[in-house]
C-alpha atoms as a PDB file:
ATOM      1  CA  ALA A   1     -19.817 -35.073  -8.168  1.00  0.00           C
ATOM      2  CA  ASP A   2     -22.581 -33.455  -6.082  1.00  0.00           C
ATOM      3  CA  GLU A   3     -21.648 -33.053  -2.439  1.00  0.00           C
ATOM      4  CA  SER A   4     -23.773 -31.634   0.350  1.00  0.00           C
ATOM      5  CA  SER A   5     -20.817 -29.839   1.900  1.00  0.00           C
ATOM      6  CA  GLY A   6     -22.509 -26.442   1.931  1.00  0.00           C
ATOM      7  CA  TYR A   7     -20.273 -25.116  -0.802  1.00  0.00           C
ATOM      8  CA  GLU A   8     -21.692 -23.633  -3.940  1.00  0.00           C
ATOM      9  CA  SER A   9     -21.107 -25.506  -7.151  1.00  0.00           C
ATOM     10  CA  GLU A  10     -17.567 -25.248  -8.430  1.00  0.00           C
ATOM     11  CA  SER A  11     -19.003 -24.664 -11.897  1.00  0.00           C
ATOM     12  CA  ALA A  12     -20.092 -21.180 -10.807  1.00  0.00           C
ATOM     13  CA  GLY A  13     -17.415 -18.879 -12.129  1.00  0.00           C
ATOM     14  CA  GLY A  14     -15.805 -21.776 -13.963  1.00  0.00           C
ATOM     15  CA  GLU A  15     -14.080 -19.534 -16.470  1.00  0.00           C
ATOM     16  CA  ARG A  16     -12.284 -17.679 -13.702  1.00  0.00           C
ATOM     17  CA  ALA A  17     -11.266 -20.920 -12.006  1.00  0.00           C
ATOM     18  CA  GLY A  18     -10.074 -22.331 -15.318  1.00  0.00           C
ATOM     19  CA  ALA A  19      -7.989 -19.238 -15.980  1.00  0.00           C
ATOM     20  CA  ALA A  20      -6.517 -19.439 -12.479  1.00  0.00           C
ATOM     21  CA  ALA A  21      -5.662 -23.109 -12.968  1.00  0.00           C
ATOM     22  CA  ALA A  22      -3.871 -22.295 -16.201  1.00  0.00           C
ATOM     23  CA  GLY A  23      -2.075 -19.463 -14.427  1.00  0.00           C
ATOM     24  CA  GLY A  24       0.043 -21.702 -12.236  1.00  0.00           C
ATOM     25  CA  THR A  25      -2.145 -23.220  -9.517  1.00  0.00           C
ATOM     26  CA  ARG A  26      -1.201 -26.632 -10.950  1.00  0.00           C
ATOM     27  CA  GLY A  27      -4.785 -27.623 -11.741  1.00  0.00           C
ATOM     28  CA  ARG A  28      -6.133 -27.232  -8.214  1.00  0.00           C
ATOM     29  CA  GLN A  29      -9.275 -25.111  -8.084  1.00  0.00           C
ATOM     30  CA  ARG A  30     -10.454 -23.155  -5.070  1.00  0.00           C
ATOM     31  CA  ARG A  31     -13.939 -23.801  -3.800  1.00  0.00           C
ATOM     32  CA  ALA A  32     -16.564 -21.113  -4.156  1.00  0.00           C
ATOM     33  CA  ARG A  33     -17.061 -18.935  -1.117  1.00  0.00           C
ATOM     34  CA  THR A  34     -19.667 -20.265   1.309  1.00  0.00           C
ATOM     35  CA  ALA A  35     -22.736 -18.063   1.617  1.00  0.00           C
ATOM     36  CA  PHE A  36     -23.895 -18.427   5.222  1.00  0.00           C
ATOM     37  CA  THR A  37     -27.564 -17.772   5.914  1.00  0.00           C
ATOM     38  CA  SER A  38     -28.494 -15.037   8.358  1.00  0.00           C
ATOM     39  CA  GLU A  39     -29.707 -17.701  10.791  1.00  0.00           C
ATOM     40  CA  GLN A  40     -26.364 -19.500  10.618  1.00  0.00           C
ATOM     41  CA  VAL A  41     -24.409 -16.277  11.160  1.00  0.00           C
ATOM     42  CA  CYS A  42     -26.634 -15.313  14.086  1.00  0.00           C
ATOM     43  CA  ARG A  43     -26.110 -18.692  15.762  1.00  0.00           C
ATOM     44  CA  LEU A  44     -22.361 -18.598  15.066  1.00  0.00           C
ATOM     45  CA  GLU A  45     -22.066 -15.085  16.540  1.00  0.00           C
ATOM     46  CA  LYS A  46     -24.038 -16.054  19.657  1.00  0.00           C
ATOM     47  CA  THR A  47     -21.823 -19.080  20.156  1.00  0.00           C
ATOM     48  CA  PHE A  48     -18.712 -16.956  19.595  1.00  0.00           C
ATOM     49  CA  GLN A  49     -19.818 -14.510  22.303  1.00  0.00           C
ATOM     50  CA  ARG A  50     -19.872 -17.394  24.803  1.00  0.00           C
ATOM     51  CA  HIS A  51     -16.857 -19.369  23.547  1.00  0.00           C
ATOM     52  CA  LYS A  52     -14.032 -17.930  21.484  1.00  0.00           C
ATOM     53  CA  TYR A  53     -12.694 -21.459  20.910  1.00  0.00           C
ATOM     54  CA  LEU A  54     -14.722 -24.593  20.284  1.00  0.00           C
ATOM     55  CA  GLY A  55     -13.695 -28.093  21.219  1.00  0.00           C
ATOM     56  CA  ALA A  56     -14.292 -31.005  18.874  1.00  0.00           C
ATOM     57  CA  THR A  57     -17.575 -31.980  20.534  1.00  0.00           C
ATOM     58  CA  GLU A  58     -19.036 -28.469  20.443  1.00  0.00           C
ATOM     59  CA  ARG A  59     -17.867 -27.997  16.850  1.00  0.00           C
ATOM     60  CA  ARG A  60     -19.465 -31.292  15.816  1.00  0.00           C
ATOM     61  CA  LYS A  61     -22.785 -30.399  17.479  1.00  0.00           C
ATOM     62  CA  LEU A  62     -22.848 -26.909  15.997  1.00  0.00           C
ATOM     63  CA  ALA A  63     -21.996 -28.215  12.526  1.00  0.00           C
ATOM     64  CA  ALA A  64     -24.848 -30.720  12.699  1.00  0.00           C
ATOM     65  CA  ALA A  65     -27.297 -28.099  13.980  1.00  0.00           C
ATOM     66  CA  LEU A  66     -26.384 -25.602  11.253  1.00  0.00           C
ATOM     67  CA  GLN A  67     -25.987 -28.188   8.478  1.00  0.00           C
ATOM     68  CA  LEU A  68     -22.401 -27.108   7.841  1.00  0.00           C
ATOM     69  CA  SER A  69     -19.166 -29.078   7.834  1.00  0.00           C
ATOM     70  CA  GLU A  70     -16.877 -29.058  10.857  1.00  0.00           C
ATOM     71  CA  ILE A  71     -14.195 -27.455   8.686  1.00  0.00           C
ATOM     72  CA  GLN A  72     -16.555 -24.600   7.804  1.00  0.00           C
ATOM     73  CA  ILE A  73     -17.254 -24.046  11.518  1.00  0.00           C
ATOM     74  CA  LYS A  74     -13.551 -24.188  12.364  1.00  0.00           C
ATOM     75  CA  THR A  75     -12.672 -21.743   9.589  1.00  0.00           C
ATOM     76  CA  TRP A  76     -15.476 -19.359  10.561  1.00  0.00           C
ATOM     77  CA  PHE A  77     -14.228 -19.259  14.168  1.00  0.00           C
ATOM     78  CA  GLN A  78     -10.631 -18.693  13.043  1.00  0.00           C
ATOM     79  CA  ASN A  79     -11.720 -15.827  10.803  1.00  0.00           C
ATOM     80  CA  ARG A  80     -13.931 -14.355  13.534  1.00  0.00           C
ATOM     81  CA  ARG A  81     -11.080 -14.409  16.062  1.00  0.00           C
ATOM     82  CA  MET A  82      -8.877 -12.579  13.546  1.00  0.00           C
ATOM     83  CA  LYS A  83     -11.627 -10.003  12.998  1.00  0.00           C
ATOM     84  CA  LEU A  84     -11.835  -9.466  16.761  1.00  0.00           C
ATOM     85  CA  LYS A  85      -8.048  -9.099  16.952  1.00  0.00           C
ATOM     86  CA  ARG A  86      -8.092  -6.459  14.197  1.00  0.00           C
ATOM     87  CA  GLN A  87     -10.865  -4.549  15.992  1.00  0.00           C
ATOM     88  CA  ILE A  88      -8.847  -4.491  19.217  1.00  0.00           C
END
């Protein structure tokens, strides 16, 4: 049950998730939002300034260095590119 994926426990806010599941999400619960540390965000931002897109190798290395999953890195970069697009 315990995974070291970087996500907070799904039991946090379990009542909300249970209510959402009963409300038509067909039993599938969303994961809790990842709380990135300031060091992780700083490293992600520095990397983003150099490369707006990461290849698989760079993503894998960054994920290992920051102790995050590759999916978390990929999602963070997607969200950061959208933030940049909104700012422009």
